[in-house]
Amino acid sequence: MSVLAEVSGNLGAIGYGLAAIGPGIGVGIIFGQGVQAIARQPEAYGLIRQNMLLGFVLTEALALIGLVAPFIYG
């Protein structure tokens, strides 16, 4: 007797859910390290904040590409 596993639904949604883990971890690291850097050098707040936001934007761009990719290539 063979048992077949059947996957129904949109596999793109599952793939995006798994792909969203990376940017989520990246955003956590960016802001965690940014807060730590500001605590160590408060006088560099402007530069650290600017780099923190730039890193956040680039990381979220990857998440948005992962959201749009199944629609383009599917």
N, C-alpha and C. Protein backbone atom coordinates (compact mmCIF):
# COMPACT_ATOMS: atom_id res chain seq x y z
N MET A 1 0.85 -1.17 0.00
CA MET A 1 0.00 0.00 0.00
C MET A 1 0.90 1.24 0.00
N SER A 2 0.70 2.12 -0.94
CA SER A 2 1.50 3.33 -1.00
C SER A 2 0.67 4.52 -0.55
N VAL A 3 1.30 5.37 0.18
CA VAL A 3 0.65 6.57 0.68
C VAL A 3 1.20 7.76 -0.10
N LEU A 4 0.33 8.49 -0.72
CA LEU A 4 0.75 9.65 -1.49
C LEU A 4 0.44 10.92 -0.71
N ALA A 5 1.41 11.79 -0.61
CA ALA A 5 1.20 13.08 0.04
C ALA A 5 0.80 14.07 -1.03
N GLU A 6 -0.27 14.76 -0.81
CA GLU A 6 -0.75 15.72 -1.79
C GLU A 6 -0.65 17.12 -1.21
N VAL A 7 -0.09 18.01 -2.00
CA VAL A 7 0.01 19.40 -1.61
C VAL A 7 -0.96 20.18 -2.49
N SER A 8 -1.88 20.85 -1.84
CA SER A 8 -2.82 21.65 -2.61
C SER A 8 -2.68 23.11 -2.19
N GLY A 9 -3.03 23.98 -3.07
CA GLY A 9 -2.92 25.41 -2.78
C GLY A 9 -1.81 26.04 -3.60
N ASN A 10 -1.50 27.24 -3.25
CA ASN A 10 -0.50 27.99 -3.97
C ASN A 10 0.86 27.79 -3.32
N LEU A 11 1.76 27.14 -4.00
CA LEU A 11 3.10 26.91 -3.44
C LEU A 11 3.92 28.20 -3.39
N GLY A 12 3.53 29.19 -4.19
CA GLY A 12 4.23 30.48 -4.14
C GLY A 12 4.07 31.15 -2.78
N ALA A 13 2.89 30.96 -2.17
CA ALA A 13 2.67 31.55 -0.85
C ALA A 13 3.56 30.90 0.20
N ILE A 14 3.71 29.60 0.09
CA ILE A 14 4.60 28.90 1.03
C ILE A 14 6.04 29.32 0.81
N GLY A 15 6.43 29.44 -0.46
CA GLY A 15 7.79 29.87 -0.77
C GLY A 15 8.08 31.28 -0.27
N TYR A 16 7.10 32.17 -0.43
CA TYR A 16 7.32 33.54 0.05
C TYR A 16 7.38 33.57 1.57
N GLY A 17 6.57 32.77 2.21
CA GLY A 17 6.61 32.71 3.67
C GLY A 17 7.98 32.28 4.17
N LEU A 18 8.56 31.30 3.51
CA LEU A 18 9.90 30.86 3.88
C LEU A 18 10.95 31.91 3.51
N ALA A 19 10.75 32.57 2.38
CA ALA A 19 11.72 33.59 1.95
C ALA A 19 11.67 34.83 2.82
N ALA A 20 10.56 35.08 3.48
CA ALA A 20 10.42 36.28 4.33
C ALA A 20 11.19 36.14 5.64
N ILE A 21 11.63 34.94 5.96
CA ILE A 21 12.39 34.74 7.20
C ILE A 21 13.72 35.49 7.14
N GLY A 22 14.39 35.44 5.99
CA GLY A 22 15.70 36.09 5.85
C GLY A 22 15.65 37.59 6.07
N PRO A 23 14.78 38.32 5.34
CA PRO A 23 14.70 39.76 5.60
C PRO A 23 14.24 40.09 7.02
N GLY A 24 13.40 39.25 7.59
CA GLY A 24 12.97 39.49 8.98
C GLY A 24 14.14 39.43 9.94
N ILE A 25 14.98 38.44 9.76
CA ILE A 25 16.18 38.32 10.59
C ILE A 25 17.12 39.49 10.31
N GLY A 26 17.25 39.86 9.04
CA GLY A 26 18.13 40.98 8.68
C GLY A 26 17.71 42.29 9.31
N VAL A 27 16.41 42.57 9.31
CA VAL A 27 15.91 43.81 9.92
C VAL A 27 16.18 43.80 11.42
N GLY A 28 15.98 42.66 12.05
CA GLY A 28 16.26 42.56 13.49
C GLY A 28 17.72 42.82 13.80
N ILE A 29 18.60 42.27 13.00
CA ILE A 29 20.04 42.49 13.21
C ILE A 29 20.40 43.95 12.97
N ILE A 30 19.86 44.54 11.91
CA ILE A 30 20.18 45.94 11.59
C ILE A 30 19.80 46.87 12.74
N PHE A 31 18.56 46.75 13.21
CA PHE A 31 18.13 47.67 14.26
C PHE A 31 18.75 47.35 15.61
N GLY A 32 18.98 46.07 15.87
CA GLY A 32 19.64 45.70 17.13
C GLY A 32 21.05 46.26 17.21
N GLN A 33 21.81 46.08 16.13
CA GLN A 33 23.18 46.59 16.12
C GLN A 33 23.20 48.12 16.05
N GLY A 34 22.20 48.71 15.38
CA GLY A 34 22.13 50.17 15.31
C GLY A 34 21.89 50.79 16.67
N VAL A 35 20.99 50.21 17.43
CA VAL A 35 20.72 50.72 18.78
C VAL A 35 21.95 50.56 19.67
N GLN A 36 22.63 49.45 19.51
CA GLN A 36 23.85 49.23 20.29
C GLN A 36 24.93 50.25 19.90
N ALA A 37 25.05 50.55 18.62
CA ALA A 37 26.04 51.52 18.17
C ALA A 37 25.72 52.92 18.67
N ILE A 38 24.43 53.28 18.67
CA ILE A 38 24.03 54.60 19.17
C ILE A 38 24.28 54.69 20.67
N ALA A 39 24.08 53.60 21.38
CA ALA A 39 24.35 53.61 22.82
C ALA A 39 25.84 53.78 23.10
N ARG A 40 26.67 53.24 22.24
CA ARG A 40 28.12 53.36 22.45
C ARG A 40 28.65 54.73 22.02
N GLN A 41 28.09 55.29 20.94
CA GLN A 41 28.56 56.58 20.44
C GLN A 41 27.36 57.48 20.12
N PRO A 42 26.80 58.12 21.12
CA PRO A 42 25.62 58.96 20.87
C PRO A 42 25.90 60.15 19.95
N GLU A 43 27.14 60.59 19.87
CA GLU A 43 27.45 61.74 19.03
C GLU A 43 27.38 61.38 17.54
N ALA A 44 27.42 60.11 17.20
CA ALA A 44 27.34 59.67 15.80
C ALA A 44 25.92 59.24 15.44
N TYR A 45 24.94 59.75 16.16
CA TYR A 45 23.55 59.33 15.97
C TYR A 45 23.07 59.52 14.53
N GLY A 46 23.37 60.66 13.93
CA GLY A 46 22.88 60.95 12.58
C GLY A 46 23.43 59.98 11.55
N LEU A 47 24.72 59.71 11.59
CA LEU A 47 25.34 58.81 10.64
C LEU A 47 24.85 57.38 10.84
N ILE A 48 24.77 56.95 12.09
CA ILE A 48 24.32 55.59 12.38
C ILE A 48 22.88 55.41 11.94
N ARG A 49 22.04 56.39 12.23
CA ARG A 49 20.62 56.31 11.85
C ARG A 49 20.46 56.26 10.34
N GLN A 50 21.25 57.06 9.63
CA GLN A 50 21.19 57.08 8.18
C GLN A 50 21.57 55.71 7.60
N ASN A 51 22.65 55.12 8.10
CA ASN A 51 23.08 53.81 7.62
C ASN A 51 22.09 52.72 8.02
N MET A 52 21.48 52.87 9.18
CA MET A 52 20.49 51.91 9.64
C MET A 52 19.29 51.91 8.71
N LEU A 53 18.79 53.08 8.36
CA LEU A 53 17.63 53.18 7.48
C LEU A 53 17.96 52.70 6.07
N LEU A 54 19.16 52.97 5.59
CA LEU A 54 19.57 52.49 4.28
C LEU A 54 19.60 50.96 4.25
N GLY A 55 20.15 50.36 5.29
CA GLY A 55 20.17 48.90 5.38
C GLY A 55 18.77 48.32 5.46
N PHE A 56 17.89 49.00 6.20
CA PHE A 56 16.50 48.55 6.31
C PHE A 56 15.80 48.58 4.96
N VAL A 57 16.00 49.66 4.21
CA VAL A 57 15.35 49.80 2.91
C VAL A 57 15.84 48.72 1.95
N LEU A 58 17.13 48.47 1.92
CA LEU A 58 17.66 47.44 1.02
C LEU A 58 17.18 46.05 1.41
N THR A 59 17.08 45.78 2.70
CA THR A 59 16.60 44.48 3.16
C THR A 59 15.12 44.29 2.82
N GLU A 60 14.32 45.32 3.00
CA GLU A 60 12.90 45.22 2.68
C GLU A 60 12.68 45.14 1.17
N ALA A 61 13.58 45.70 0.38
CA ALA A 61 13.45 45.58 -1.07
C ALA A 61 13.55 44.11 -1.48
N LEU A 62 14.41 43.35 -0.80
CA LEU A 62 14.51 41.93 -1.09
C LEU A 62 13.20 41.22 -0.77
N ALA A 63 12.57 41.60 0.32
CA ALA A 63 11.29 40.99 0.68
C ALA A 63 10.22 41.32 -0.34
N LEU A 64 10.21 42.53 -0.83
CA LEU A 64 9.21 42.92 -1.84
C LEU A 64 9.46 42.23 -3.17
N ILE A 65 10.72 42.02 -3.52
CA ILE A 65 11.02 41.26 -4.74
C ILE A 65 10.51 39.84 -4.60
N GLY A 66 10.68 39.26 -3.41
CA GLY A 66 10.17 37.92 -3.16
C GLY A 66 8.66 37.85 -3.22
N LEU A 67 7.98 38.93 -2.88
CA LEU A 67 6.52 38.97 -2.96
C LEU A 67 6.05 39.06 -4.40
N VAL A 68 6.75 39.81 -5.24
CA VAL A 68 6.33 40.05 -6.61
C VAL A 68 6.78 38.92 -7.55
N ALA A 69 7.87 38.25 -7.26
CA ALA A 69 8.45 37.26 -8.17
C ALA A 69 7.48 36.14 -8.56
N PRO A 70 6.69 35.58 -7.64
CA PRO A 70 5.75 34.52 -8.08
C PRO A 70 4.72 35.02 -9.09
N PHE A 71 4.33 36.28 -9.00
CA PHE A 71 3.36 36.80 -9.95
C PHE A 71 3.98 37.02 -11.33
N ILE A 72 5.24 37.37 -11.37
CA ILE A 72 5.91 37.62 -12.64
C ILE A 72 6.27 36.30 -13.33
N TYR A 73 6.85 35.38 -12.57
CA TYR A 73 7.34 34.14 -13.16
C TYR A 73 6.38 32.98 -13.05
N GLY A 74 5.22 33.20 -12.45
CA GLY A 74 4.27 32.10 -12.27
C GLY A 74 3.28 32.14 -13.33
